[in-house]
Amino acid sequence: MKPLLFCVLLLTACNREDKARSAAMTGGDPDRGKQAVVRYGCIACHNIPGVKGPRGMVGPPLEHIASRTLIAGKLQNTPQTMIRWLQNPQAMEPSNAMPNLGITPDDARDIAAYLYTLK
């Protein structure tokens, strides 16, 4: 097998495993979450790997968000915290700049599932 083909197959398998793991952690669908990120306009403020559009600079870049210990510099980065954060960041940390976008519980699970693929 040619090295390039082997690398592509390996990356595809890893991507599937990451998606399955993040879906199990959050109860969401990473592919729908990627679409929801665009629909809710998250890319207007955040640079989000894998999502085309503006490269927002207001909020922090979300690359490696799955590997970070904290959300907003204060909250434990767990699936349940991430889901709650996405639905109402102001209730969790009133001094932060992220607005409440009216993200539904289902969309929050999907978005969290996508974000947890970003290691």
PDB file of N, CA and C in Angstrom:
ATOM      1  N   MET A   1       0.854  -1.179   0.000  1.00  0.00           N
ATOM      2  CA  MET A   1       0.000   0.000   0.000  1.00  0.00           C
ATOM      3  C   MET A   1       0.896   1.236   0.000  1.00  0.00           C
ATOM      4  N   LYS A   2       0.526   2.202  -0.800  1.00  0.00           N
ATOM      5  CA  LYS A   2       1.310   3.424  -0.893  1.00  0.00           C
ATOM      6  C   LYS A   2       1.173   4.233   0.398  1.00  0.00           C
ATOM      7  N   PRO A   3       2.250   4.901   0.818  1.00  0.00           N
ATOM      8  CA  PRO A   3       2.212   5.645   2.086  1.00  0.00           C
ATOM      9  C   PRO A   3       1.108   6.699   2.155  1.00  0.00           C
ATOM     10  N   LEU A   4       0.867   7.418   1.073  1.00  0.00           N
ATOM     11  CA  LEU A   4      -0.157   8.454   1.092  1.00  0.00           C
ATOM     12  C   LEU A   4      -1.541   7.849   1.289  1.00  0.00           C
ATOM     13  N   LEU A   5      -1.842   6.779   0.603  1.00  0.00           N
ATOM     14  CA  LEU A   5      -3.131   6.107   0.749  1.00  0.00           C
ATOM     15  C   LEU A   5      -3.300   5.587   2.169  1.00  0.00           C
ATOM     16  N   PHE A   6      -2.241   5.018   2.721  1.00  0.00           N
ATOM     17  CA  PHE A   6      -2.290   4.518   4.093  1.00  0.00           C
ATOM     18  C   PHE A   6      -2.608   5.651   5.069  1.00  0.00           C
ATOM     19  N   CYS A   7      -1.975   6.810   4.894  1.00  0.00           N
ATOM     20  CA  CYS A   7      -2.219   7.964   5.770  1.00  0.00           C
ATOM     21  C   CYS A   7      -3.661   8.441   5.662  1.00  0.00           C
ATOM     22  N   VAL A   8      -4.200   8.492   4.457  1.00  0.00           N
ATOM     23  CA  VAL A   8      -5.593   8.917   4.259  1.00  0.00           C
ATOM     24  C   VAL A   8      -6.543   7.945   4.955  1.00  0.00           C
ATOM     25  N   LEU A   9      -6.311   6.654   4.788  1.00  0.00           N
ATOM     26  CA  LEU A   9      -7.165   5.653   5.431  1.00  0.00           C
ATOM     27  C   LEU A   9      -7.063   5.745   6.952  1.00  0.00           C
ATOM     28  N   LEU A  10      -5.875   5.959   7.463  1.00  0.00           N
ATOM     29  CA  LEU A  10      -5.673   6.072   8.904  1.00  0.00           C
ATOM     30  C   LEU A  10      -6.388   7.297   9.460  1.00  0.00           C
ATOM     31  N   LEU A  11      -6.269   8.430   8.770  1.00  0.00           N
ATOM     32  CA  LEU A  11      -6.948   9.649   9.219  1.00  0.00           C
ATOM     33  C   LEU A  11      -8.457   9.503   9.186  1.00  0.00           C
ATOM     34  N   THR A  12      -8.970   8.833   8.174  1.00  0.00           N
ATOM     35  CA  THR A  12     -10.414   8.603   8.070  1.00  0.00           C
ATOM     36  C   THR A  12     -10.901   7.752   9.232  1.00  0.00           C
ATOM     37  N   ALA A  13     -10.172   6.716   9.560  1.00  0.00           N
ATOM     38  CA  ALA A  13     -10.550   5.852  10.683  1.00  0.00           C
ATOM     39  C   ALA A  13     -10.495   6.620  12.000  1.00  0.00           C
ATOM     40  N   CYS A  14      -9.463   7.429  12.188  1.00  0.00           N
ATOM     41  CA  CYS A  14      -9.346   8.232  13.411  1.00  0.00           C
ATOM     42  C   CYS A  14     -10.491   9.235  13.512  1.00  0.00           C
ATOM     43  N   ASN A  15     -10.843   9.860  12.397  1.00  0.00           N
ATOM     44  CA  ASN A  15     -11.934  10.837  12.382  1.00  0.00           C
ATOM     45  C   ASN A  15     -13.247  10.163  12.775  1.00  0.00           C
ATOM     46  N   ARG A  16     -13.499   8.970  12.254  1.00  0.00           N
ATOM     47  CA  ARG A  16     -14.716   8.236  12.615  1.00  0.00           C
ATOM     48  C   ARG A  16     -14.737   7.914  14.106  1.00  0.00           C
ATOM     49  N   GLU A  17     -13.588   7.505  14.642  1.00  0.00           N
ATOM     50  CA  GLU A  17     -13.503   7.190  16.072  1.00  0.00           C
ATOM     51  C   GLU A  17     -13.737   8.439  16.922  1.00  0.00           C
ATOM     52  N   ASP A  18     -13.148   9.575  16.517  1.00  0.00           N
ATOM     53  CA  ASP A  18     -13.356  10.830  17.243  1.00  0.00           C
ATOM     54  C   ASP A  18     -14.828  11.220  17.248  1.00  0.00           C
ATOM     55  N   LYS A  19     -15.489  11.095  16.104  1.00  0.00           N
ATOM     56  CA  LYS A  19     -16.911  11.433  16.008  1.00  0.00           C
ATOM     57  C   LYS A  19     -17.751  10.513  16.881  1.00  0.00           C
ATOM     58  N   ALA A  20     -17.453   9.228  16.853  1.00  0.00           N
ATOM     59  CA  ALA A  20     -18.214   8.271  17.657  1.00  0.00           C
ATOM     60  C   ALA A  20     -18.014   8.555  19.143  1.00  0.00           C
ATOM     61  N   ARG A  21     -16.779   8.855  19.539  1.00  0.00           N
ATOM     62  CA  ARG A  21     -16.494   9.141  20.945  1.00  0.00           C
ATOM     63  C   ARG A  21     -17.204  10.407  21.398  1.00  0.00           C
ATOM     64  N   SER A  22     -17.142  11.458  20.589  1.00  0.00           N
ATOM     65  CA  SER A  22     -17.779  12.717  20.992  1.00  0.00           C
ATOM     66  C   SER A  22     -19.305  12.585  21.005  1.00  0.00           C
ATOM     67  N   ALA A  23     -19.853  11.802  20.103  1.00  0.00           N
ATOM     68  CA  ALA A  23     -21.308  11.564  20.097  1.00  0.00           C
ATOM     69  C   ALA A  23     -21.721  10.821  21.361  1.00  0.00           C
ATOM     70  N   ALA A  24     -20.930   9.837  21.767  1.00  0.00           N
ATOM     71  CA  ALA A  24     -21.246   9.080  22.983  1.00  0.00           C
ATOM     72  C   ALA A  24     -21.144   9.968  24.225  1.00  0.00           C
ATOM     73  N   MET A  25     -20.182  10.879  24.244  1.00  0.00           N
ATOM     74  CA  MET A  25     -19.979  11.764  25.393  1.00  0.00           C
ATOM     75  C   MET A  25     -21.104  12.771  25.560  1.00  0.00           C
ATOM     76  N   THR A  26     -21.652  13.248  24.439  1.00  0.00           N
ATOM     77  CA  THR A  26     -22.586  14.381  24.481  1.00  0.00           C
ATOM     78  C   THR A  26     -24.025  14.010  24.156  1.00  0.00           C
ATOM     79  N   GLY A  27     -24.230  12.888  23.502  1.00  0.00           N
ATOM     80  CA  GLY A  27     -25.564  12.539  23.027  1.00  0.00           C
ATOM     81  C   GLY A  27     -25.928  13.301  21.769  1.00  0.00           C
ATOM     82  N   GLY A  28     -24.943  13.965  21.154  1.00  0.00           N
ATOM     83  CA  GLY A  28     -25.185  14.757  19.953  1.00  0.00           C
ATOM     84  C   GLY A  28     -24.550  14.148  18.717  1.00  0.00           C
ATOM     85  N   ASP A  29     -24.742  14.829  17.605  1.00  0.00           N
ATOM     86  CA  ASP A  29     -24.206  14.400  16.319  1.00  0.00           C
ATOM     87  C   ASP A  29     -23.206  15.447  15.835  1.00  0.00           C
ATOM     88  N   PRO A  30     -21.921  15.085  15.723  1.00  0.00           N
ATOM     89  CA  PRO A  30     -20.909  16.056  15.323  1.00  0.00           C
ATOM     90  C   PRO A  30     -21.157  16.697  13.951  1.00  0.00           C
ATOM     91  N   ASP A  31     -21.695  15.931  13.008  1.00  0.00           N
ATOM     92  CA  ASP A  31     -21.949  16.498  11.678  1.00  0.00           C
ATOM     93  C   ASP A  31     -23.049  17.557  11.734  1.00  0.00           C
ATOM     94  N   ARG A  32     -24.115  17.270  12.475  1.00  0.00           N
ATOM     95  CA  ARG A  32     -25.159  18.290  12.652  1.00  0.00           C
ATOM     96  C   ARG A  32     -24.620  19.479  13.445  1.00  0.00           C
ATOM     97  N   GLY A  33     -23.726  19.200  14.393  1.00  0.00           N
ATOM     98  CA  GLY A  33     -23.130  20.273  15.189  1.00  0.00           C
ATOM     99  C   GLY A  33     -22.315  21.231  14.342  1.00  0.00           C
ATOM    100  N   LYS A  34     -21.593  20.691  13.388  1.00  0.00           N
ATOM    101  CA  LYS A  34     -20.804  21.546  12.481  1.00  0.00           C
ATOM    102  C   LYS A  34     -21.734  22.455  11.690  1.00  0.00           C
ATOM    103  N   GLN A  35     -22.867  21.938  11.253  1.00  0.00           N
ATOM    104  CA  GLN A  35     -23.847  22.755  10.537  1.00  0.00           C
ATOM    105  C   GLN A  35     -24.471  23.797  11.457  1.00  0.00           C
ATOM    106  N   ALA A  36     -24.729  23.418  12.696  1.00  0.00           N
ATOM    107  CA  ALA A  36     -25.341  24.348  13.653  1.00  0.00           C
ATOM    108  C   ALA A  36     -24.403  25.499  13.989  1.00  0.00           C
ATOM    109  N   VAL A  37     -23.109  25.230  14.030  1.00  0.00           N
ATOM    110  CA  VAL A  37     -22.117  26.276  14.291  1.00  0.00           C
ATOM    111  C   VAL A  37     -22.259  27.395  13.256  1.00  0.00           C
ATOM    112  N   VAL A  38     -22.466  27.006  12.023  1.00  0.00           N
ATOM    113  CA  VAL A  38     -22.653  27.990  10.951  1.00  0.00           C
ATOM    114  C   VAL A  38     -24.008  28.680  11.100  1.00  0.00           C
ATOM    115  N   ARG A  39     -25.049  27.903  11.339  1.00  0.00           N
ATOM    116  CA  ARG A  39     -26.412  28.438  11.458  1.00  0.00           C
ATOM    117  C   ARG A  39     -26.548  29.470  12.586  1.00  0.00           C
ATOM    118  N   TYR A  40     -25.899  29.214  13.710  1.00  0.00           N
ATOM    119  CA  TYR A  40     -25.975  30.143  14.840  1.00  0.00           C
ATOM    120  C   TYR A  40     -24.972  31.293  14.730  1.00  0.00           C
ATOM    121  N   GLY A  41     -24.116  31.264  13.721  1.00  0.00           N
ATOM    122  CA  GLY A  41     -23.183  32.362  13.510  1.00  0.00           C
ATOM    123  C   GLY A  41     -21.973  32.353  14.432  1.00  0.00           C
ATOM    124  N   CYS A  42     -21.636  31.207  14.972  1.00  0.00           N
ATOM    125  CA  CYS A  42     -20.491  31.114  15.896  1.00  0.00           C
ATOM    126  C   CYS A  42     -19.188  31.578  15.242  1.00  0.00           C
ATOM    127  N   ILE A  43     -19.097  31.388  13.936  1.00  0.00           N
ATOM    128  CA  ILE A  43     -17.877  31.765  13.226  1.00  0.00           C
ATOM    129  C   ILE A  43     -17.703  33.280  13.104  1.00  0.00           C
ATOM    130  N   ALA A  44     -18.722  34.040  13.454  1.00  0.00           N
ATOM    131  CA  ALA A  44     -18.576  35.497  13.445  1.00  0.00           C
ATOM    132  C   ALA A  44     -17.640  35.946  14.569  1.00  0.00           C
ATOM    133  N   CYS A  45     -17.580  35.177  15.637  1.00  0.00           N
ATOM    134  CA  CYS A  45     -16.736  35.548  16.785  1.00  0.00           C
ATOM    135  C   CYS A  45     -15.564  34.601  17.021  1.00  0.00           C
ATOM    136  N   HIS A  46     -15.687  33.354  16.575  1.00  0.00           N
ATOM    137  CA  HIS A  46     -14.657  32.345  16.843  1.00  0.00           C
ATOM    138  C   HIS A  46     -14.038  31.831  15.552  1.00  0.00           C
ATOM    139  N   ASN A  47     -12.768  31.533  15.607  1.00  0.00           N
ATOM    140  CA  ASN A  47     -12.098  30.792  14.550  1.00  0.00           C
ATOM    141  C   ASN A  47     -12.293  29.319  14.906  1.00  0.00           C
ATOM    142  N   ILE A  48     -13.008  28.585  14.042  1.00  0.00           N
ATOM    143  CA  ILE A  48     -13.361  27.202  14.328  1.00  0.00           C
ATOM    144  C   ILE A  48     -12.806  26.311  13.223  1.00  0.00           C
ATOM    145  N   PRO A  49     -11.842  25.449  13.543  1.00  0.00           N
ATOM    146  CA  PRO A  49     -11.267  24.572  12.529  1.00  0.00           C
ATOM    147  C   PRO A  49     -12.327  23.727  11.833  1.00  0.00           C
ATOM    148  N   GLY A  50     -12.189  23.598  10.531  1.00  0.00           N
ATOM    149  CA  GLY A  50     -13.094  22.772   9.751  1.00  0.00           C
ATOM    150  C   GLY A  50     -14.362  23.468   9.316  1.00  0.00           C
ATOM    151  N   VAL A  51     -14.554  24.718   9.733  1.00  0.00           N
ATOM    152  CA  VAL A  51     -15.763  25.454   9.378  1.00  0.00           C
ATOM    153  C   VAL A  51     -15.378  26.630   8.505  1.00  0.00           C
ATOM    154  N   LYS A  52     -15.924  26.661   7.299  1.00  0.00           N
ATOM    155  CA  LYS A  52     -15.626  27.753   6.374  1.00  0.00           C
ATOM    156  C   LYS A  52     -16.437  28.986   6.729  1.00  0.00           C
ATOM    157  N   GLY A  53     -15.859  30.125   6.465  1.00  0.00           N
ATOM    158  CA  GLY A  53     -16.547  31.379   6.734  1.00  0.00           C
ATOM    159  C   GLY A  53     -15.587  32.368   7.342  1.00  0.00           C
ATOM    160  N   PRO A  54     -16.119  33.434   7.924  1.00  0.00           N
ATOM    161  CA  PRO A  54     -15.245  34.436   8.528  1.00  0.00           C
ATOM    162  C   PRO A  54     -14.414  33.811   9.645  1.00  0.00           C
ATOM    163  N   ARG A  55     -13.297  34.395   9.898  1.00  0.00           N
ATOM    164  CA  ARG A  55     -12.434  33.914  10.986  1.00  0.00           C
ATOM    165  C   ARG A  55     -12.570  34.891  12.134  1.00  0.00           C
ATOM    166  N   GLY A  56     -13.590  34.689  12.947  1.00  0.00           N
ATOM    167  CA  GLY A  56     -13.886  35.600  14.039  1.00  0.00           C
ATOM    168  C   GLY A  56     -12.734  35.752  15.007  1.00  0.00           C
ATOM    169  N   MET A  57     -12.567  36.961  15.501  1.00  0.00           N
ATOM    170  CA  MET A  57     -11.473  37.261  16.419  1.00  0.00           C
ATOM    171  C   MET A  57     -11.975  37.833  17.747  1.00  0.00           C
ATOM    172  N   VAL A  58     -13.285  37.879  17.963  1.00  0.00           N
ATOM    173  CA  VAL A  58     -13.827  38.415  19.213  1.00  0.00           C
ATOM    174  C   VAL A  58     -13.666  37.386  20.333  1.00  0.00           C
ATOM    175  N   GLY A  59     -14.093  36.164  20.063  1.00  0.00           N
ATOM    176  CA  GLY A  59     -13.954  35.084  21.039  1.00  0.00           C
ATOM    177  C   GLY A  59     -12.675  34.311  20.775  1.00  0.00           C
ATOM    178  N   PRO A  60     -12.312  33.440  21.691  1.00  0.00           N
ATOM    179  CA  PRO A  60     -11.082  32.674  21.504  1.00  0.00           C
ATOM    180  C   PRO A  60     -11.216  31.681  20.353  1.00  0.00           C
ATOM    181  N   PRO A  61     -10.097  31.342  19.709  1.00  0.00           N
ATOM    182  CA  PRO A  61     -10.149  30.279  18.704  1.00  0.00           C
ATOM    183  C   PRO A  61     -10.522  28.972  19.390  1.00  0.00           C
ATOM    184  N   LEU A  62     -11.265  28.134  18.705  1.00  0.00           N
ATOM    185  CA  LEU A  62     -11.751  26.913  19.324  1.00  0.00           C
ATOM    186  C   LEU A  62     -10.960  25.667  18.921  1.00  0.00           C
ATOM    187  N   GLU A  63      -9.822  25.877  18.269  1.00  0.00           N
ATOM    188  CA  GLU A  63      -8.989  24.712  17.973  1.00  0.00           C
ATOM    189  C   GLU A  63      -8.532  24.102  19.300  1.00  0.00           C
ATOM    190  N   HIS A  64      -8.491  22.812  19.356  1.00  0.00           N
ATOM    191  CA  HIS A  64      -8.080  22.050  20.541  1.00  0.00           C
ATOM    192  C   HIS A  64      -9.001  22.256  21.745  1.00  0.00           C
ATOM    193  N   ILE A  65     -10.224  22.709  21.530  1.00  0.00           N
ATOM    194  CA  ILE A  65     -11.150  22.923  22.653  1.00  0.00           C
ATOM    195  C   ILE A  65     -11.394  21.616  23.405  1.00  0.00           C
ATOM    196  N   ALA A  66     -11.382  20.493  22.725  1.00  0.00           N
ATOM    197  CA  ALA A  66     -11.620  19.209  23.386  1.00  0.00           C
ATOM    198  C   ALA A  66     -10.494  18.852  24.351  1.00  0.00           C
ATOM    199  N   SER A  67      -9.320  19.400  24.143  1.00  0.00           N
ATOM    200  CA  SER A  67      -8.171  19.088  24.999  1.00  0.00           C
ATOM    201  C   SER A  67      -7.987  20.085  26.134  1.00  0.00           C
ATOM    202  N   ARG A  68      -8.768  21.136  26.141  1.00  0.00           N
ATOM    203  CA  ARG A  68      -8.607  22.162  27.177  1.00  0.00           C
ATOM    204  C   ARG A  68      -9.270  21.725  28.477  1.00  0.00           C
ATOM    205  N   THR A  69      -8.718  22.185  29.571  1.00  0.00           N
ATOM    206  CA  THR A  69      -9.237  21.855  30.891  1.00  0.00           C
ATOM    207  C   THR A  69     -10.433  22.710  31.259  1.00  0.00           C
ATOM    208  N   LEU A  70     -10.434  23.964  30.797  1.00  0.00           N
ATOM    209  CA  LEU A  70     -11.458  24.914  31.220  1.00  0.00           C
ATOM    210  C   LEU A  70     -12.219  25.513  30.041  1.00  0.00           C
ATOM    211  N   ILE A  71     -13.443  25.898  30.307  1.00  0.00           N
ATOM    212  CA  ILE A  71     -14.267  26.685  29.389  1.00  0.00           C
ATOM    213  C   ILE A  71     -14.348  28.074  30.003  1.00  0.00           C
ATOM    214  N   ALA A  72     -14.121  29.091  29.201  1.00  0.00           N
ATOM    215  CA  ALA A  72     -14.177  30.484  29.660  1.00  0.00           C
ATOM    216  C   ALA A  72     -13.176  30.753  30.785  1.00  0.00           C
ATOM    217  N   GLY A  73     -12.152  29.941  30.860  1.00  0.00           N
ATOM    218  CA  GLY A  73     -11.109  30.150  31.847  1.00  0.00           C
ATOM    219  C   GLY A  73     -11.508  29.839  33.281  1.00  0.00           C
ATOM    220  N   LYS A  74     -12.731  29.346  33.511  1.00  0.00           N
ATOM    221  CA  LYS A  74     -13.207  29.129  34.882  1.00  0.00           C
ATOM    222  C   LYS A  74     -13.978  27.830  35.095  1.00  0.00           C
ATOM    223  N   LEU A  75     -14.596  27.312  34.053  1.00  0.00           N
ATOM    224  CA  LEU A  75     -15.515  26.176  34.196  1.00  0.00           C
ATOM    225  C   LEU A  75     -14.856  24.896  33.694  1.00  0.00           C
ATOM    226  N   GLN A  76     -15.025  23.799  34.461  1.00  0.00           N
ATOM    227  CA  GLN A  76     -14.479  22.515  34.027  1.00  0.00           C
ATOM    228  C   GLN A  76     -15.019  22.150  32.651  1.00  0.00           C
ATOM    229  N   ASN A  77     -14.148  21.725  31.782  1.00  0.00           N
ATOM    230  CA  ASN A  77     -14.543  21.338  30.429  1.00  0.00           C
ATOM    231  C   ASN A  77     -15.049  19.892  30.453  1.00  0.00           C
ATOM    232  N   THR A  78     -16.343  19.761  30.717  1.00  0.00           N
ATOM    233  CA  THR A  78     -17.013  18.465  30.665  1.00  0.00           C
ATOM    234  C   THR A  78     -18.144  18.577  29.643  1.00  0.00           C
ATOM    235  N   PRO A  79     -18.604  17.454  29.117  1.00  0.00           N
ATOM    236  CA  PRO A  79     -19.705  17.528  28.145  1.00  0.00           C
ATOM    237  C   PRO A  79     -20.936  18.251  28.692  1.00  0.00           C
ATOM    238  N   GLN A  80     -21.353  17.954  29.914  1.00  0.00           N
ATOM    239  CA  GLN A  80     -22.547  18.598  30.456  1.00  0.00           C
ATOM    240  C   GLN A  80     -22.343  20.099  30.644  1.00  0.00           C
ATOM    241  N   THR A  81     -21.151  20.491  31.092  1.00  0.00           N
ATOM    242  CA  THR A  81     -20.867  21.921  31.260  1.00  0.00           C
ATOM    243  C   THR A  81     -20.857  22.614  29.902  1.00  0.00           C
ATOM    244  N   MET A  82     -20.246  21.979  28.907  1.00  0.00           N
ATOM    245  CA  MET A  82     -20.202  22.570  27.570  1.00  0.00           C
ATOM    246  C   MET A  82     -21.615  22.752  27.020  1.00  0.00           C
ATOM    247  N   ILE A  83     -22.451  21.764  27.177  1.00  0.00           N
ATOM    248  CA  ILE A  83     -23.829  21.845  26.675  1.00  0.00           C
ATOM    249  C   ILE A  83     -24.577  22.984  27.364  1.00  0.00           C
ATOM    250  N   ARG A  84     -24.464  23.067  28.681  1.00  0.00           N
ATOM    251  CA  ARG A  84     -25.124  24.152  29.426  1.00  0.00           C
ATOM    252  C   ARG A  84     -24.556  25.507  29.027  1.00  0.00           C
ATOM    253  N   TRP A  85     -23.236  25.577  28.851  1.00  0.00           N
ATOM    254  CA  TRP A  85     -22.567  26.819  28.445  1.00  0.00           C
ATOM    255  C   TRP A  85     -23.112  27.303  27.100  1.00  0.00           C
ATOM    256  N   LEU A  86     -23.218  26.403  26.153  1.00  0.00           N
ATOM    257  CA  LEU A  86     -23.698  26.775  24.824  1.00  0.00           C
ATOM    258  C   LEU A  86     -25.132  27.307  24.877  1.00  0.00           C
ATOM    259  N   GLN A  87     -25.953  26.768  25.763  1.00  0.00           N
ATOM    260  CA  GLN A  87     -27.344  27.196  25.854  1.00  0.00           C
ATOM    261  C   GLN A  87     -27.501  28.547  26.544  1.00  0.00           C
ATOM    262  N   ASN A  88     -26.660  28.824  27.546  1.00  0.00           N
ATOM    263  CA  ASN A  88     -26.817  30.083  28.261  1.00  0.00           C
ATOM    264  C   ASN A  88     -25.512  30.480  28.952  1.00  0.00           C
ATOM    265  N   PRO A  89     -24.559  30.983  28.190  1.00  0.00           N
ATOM    266  CA  PRO A  89     -23.259  31.332  28.778  1.00  0.00           C
ATOM    267  C   PRO A  89     -23.350  32.430  29.832  1.00  0.00           C
ATOM    268  N   GLN A  90     -24.294  33.333  29.687  1.00  0.00           N
ATOM    269  CA  GLN A  90     -24.420  34.434  30.647  1.00  0.00           C
ATOM    270  C   GLN A  90     -24.867  33.937  32.021  1.00  0.00           C
ATOM    271  N   ALA A  91     -25.675  32.892  32.065  1.00  0.00           N
ATOM    272  CA  ALA A  91     -26.118  32.341  33.341  1.00  0.00           C
ATOM    273  C   ALA A  91     -24.965  31.659  34.076  1.00  0.00           C
ATOM    274  N   MET A  92     -24.019  31.128  33.315  1.00  0.00           N
ATOM    275  CA  MET A  92     -22.907  30.404  33.928  1.00  0.00           C
ATOM    276  C   MET A  92     -21.758  31.313  34.323  1.00  0.00           C
ATOM    277  N   GLU A  93     -21.539  32.355  33.537  1.00  0.00           N
ATOM    278  CA  GLU A  93     -20.451  33.308  33.806  1.00  0.00           C
ATOM    279  C   GLU A  93     -20.883  34.679  33.288  1.00  0.00           C
ATOM    280  N   PRO A  94     -21.580  35.450  34.137  1.00  0.00           N
ATOM    281  CA  PRO A  94     -22.177  36.721  33.692  1.00  0.00           C
ATOM    282  C   PRO A  94     -21.198  37.750  33.127  1.00  0.00           C
ATOM    283  N   SER A  95     -19.937  37.670  33.487  1.00  0.00           N
ATOM    284  CA  SER A  95     -18.987  38.684  33.014  1.00  0.00           C
ATOM    285  C   SER A  95     -18.368  38.349  31.659  1.00  0.00           C
ATOM    286  N   ASN A  96     -18.759  37.247  31.045  1.00  0.00           N
ATOM    287  CA  ASN A  96     -18.153  36.883  29.757  1.00  0.00           C
ATOM    288  C   ASN A  96     -18.862  37.615  28.611  1.00  0.00           C
ATOM    289  N   ALA A  97     -18.217  37.645  27.462  1.00  0.00           N
ATOM    290  CA  ALA A  97     -18.735  38.397  26.318  1.00  0.00           C
ATOM    291  C   ALA A  97     -19.635  37.570  25.406  1.00  0.00           C
ATOM    292  N   MET A  98     -19.728  36.267  25.624  1.00  0.00           N
ATOM    293  CA  MET A  98     -20.527  35.422  24.734  1.00  0.00           C
ATOM    294  C   MET A  98     -22.011  35.634  25.011  1.00  0.00           C
ATOM    295  N   PRO A  99     -22.764  35.994  23.966  1.00  0.00           N
ATOM    296  CA  PRO A  99     -24.201  36.231  24.158  1.00  0.00           C
ATOM    297  C   PRO A  99     -24.987  34.924  24.203  1.00  0.00           C
ATOM    298  N   ASN A 100     -26.175  34.999  24.744  1.00  0.00           N
ATOM    299  CA  ASN A 100     -27.092  33.877  24.704  1.00  0.00           C
ATOM    300  C   ASN A 100     -27.714  33.887  23.308  1.00  0.00           C
ATOM    301  N   LEU A 101     -27.430  32.862  22.521  1.00  0.00           N
ATOM    302  CA  LEU A 101     -27.903  32.795  21.133  1.00  0.00           C
ATOM    303  C   LEU A 101     -29.199  32.015  20.985  1.00  0.00           C
ATOM    304  N   GLY A 102     -29.771  31.563  22.091  1.00  0.00           N
ATOM    305  CA  GLY A 102     -31.003  30.784  22.006  1.00  0.00           C
ATOM    306  C   GLY A 102     -30.777  29.399  21.434  1.00  0.00           C
ATOM    307  N   ILE A 103     -29.617  28.828  21.698  1.00  0.00           N
ATOM    308  CA  ILE A 103     -29.297  27.493  21.190  1.00  0.00           C
ATOM    309  C   ILE A 103     -30.177  26.470  21.902  1.00  0.00           C
ATOM    310  N   THR A 104     -30.853  25.653  21.132  1.00  0.00           N
ATOM    311  CA  THR A 104     -31.750  24.640  21.692  1.00  0.00           C
ATOM    312  C   THR A 104     -30.931  23.530  22.364  1.00  0.00           C
ATOM    313  N   PRO A 105     -31.554  22.775  23.266  1.00  0.00           N
ATOM    314  CA  PRO A 105     -30.835  21.662  23.893  1.00  0.00           C
ATOM    315  C   PRO A 105     -30.275  20.656  22.876  1.00  0.00           C
ATOM    316  N   ASP A 106     -31.056  20.307  21.857  1.00  0.00           N
ATOM    317  CA  ASP A 106     -30.571  19.368  20.836  1.00  0.00           C
ATOM    318  C   ASP A 106     -29.388  19.945  20.072  1.00  0.00           C
ATOM    319  N   ASP A 107     -29.492  21.218  19.665  1.00  0.00           N
ATOM    320  CA  ASP A 107     -28.394  21.845  18.940  1.00  0.00           C
ATOM    321  C   ASP A 107     -27.158  21.980  19.832  1.00  0.00           C
ATOM    322  N   ALA A 108     -27.353  22.255  21.116  1.00  0.00           N
ATOM    323  CA  ALA A 108     -26.217  22.365  22.037  1.00  0.00           C
ATOM    324  C   ALA A 108     -25.479  21.032  22.135  1.00  0.00           C
ATOM    325  N   ARG A 109     -26.219  19.931  22.199  1.00  0.00           N
ATOM    326  CA  ARG A 109     -25.573  18.608  22.228  1.00  0.00           C
ATOM    327  C   ARG A 109     -24.813  18.347  20.937  1.00  0.00           C
ATOM    328  N   ASP A 110     -25.411  18.732  19.804  1.00  0.00           N
ATOM    329  CA  ASP A 110     -24.744  18.537  18.517  1.00  0.00           C
ATOM    330  C   ASP A 110     -23.493  19.403  18.401  1.00  0.00           C
ATOM    331  N   ILE A 111     -23.586  20.666  18.796  1.00  0.00           N
ATOM    332  CA  ILE A 111     -22.429  21.558  18.729  1.00  0.00           C
ATOM    333  C   ILE A 111     -21.322  21.051  19.652  1.00  0.00           C
ATOM    334  N   ALA A 112     -21.698  20.640  20.859  1.00  0.00           N
ATOM    335  CA  ALA A 112     -20.703  20.100  21.784  1.00  0.00           C
ATOM    336  C   ALA A 112     -20.044  18.863  21.168  1.00  0.00           C
ATOM    337  N   ALA A 113     -20.830  18.022  20.522  1.00  0.00           N
ATOM    338  CA  ALA A 113     -20.267  16.828  19.874  1.00  0.00           C
ATOM    339  C   ALA A 113     -19.233  17.232  18.834  1.00  0.00           C
ATOM    340  N   TYR A 114     -19.536  18.266  18.047  1.00  0.00           N
ATOM    341  CA  TYR A 114     -18.547  18.725  17.053  1.00  0.00           C
ATOM    342  C   TYR A 114     -17.307  19.298  17.747  1.00  0.00           C
ATOM    343  N   LEU A 115     -17.521  20.119  18.759  1.00  0.00           N
ATOM    344  CA  LEU A 115     -16.377  20.753  19.439  1.00  0.00           C
ATOM    345  C   LEU A 115     -15.467  19.698  20.074  1.00  0.00           C
ATOM    346  N   TYR A 116     -16.035  18.614  20.558  1.00  0.00           N
ATOM    347  CA  TYR A 116     -15.210  17.576  21.177  1.00  0.00           C
ATOM    348  C   TYR A 116     -14.457  16.722  20.154  1.00  0.00           C
ATOM    349  N   THR A 117     -14.652  16.978  18.871  1.00  0.00           N
ATOM    350  CA  THR A 117     -13.792  16.355  17.868  1.00  0.00           C
ATOM    351  C   THR A 117     -12.543  17.188  17.626  1.00  0.00           C
ATOM    352  N   LEU A 118     -12.508  18.405  18.173  1.00  0.00           N
ATOM    353  CA  LEU A 118     -11.396  19.325  17.934  1.00  0.00           C
ATOM    354  C   LEU A 118     -10.336  19.158  19.019  1.00  0.00           C
ATOM    355  N   LYS A 119      -9.504  18.159  18.846  1.00  0.00           N
ATOM    356  CA  LYS A 119      -8.461  17.872  19.832  1.00  0.00           C
ATOM    357  C   LYS A 119      -7.278  18.693  19.535  1.00  0.00           C
TER     358      LYS A 119
END
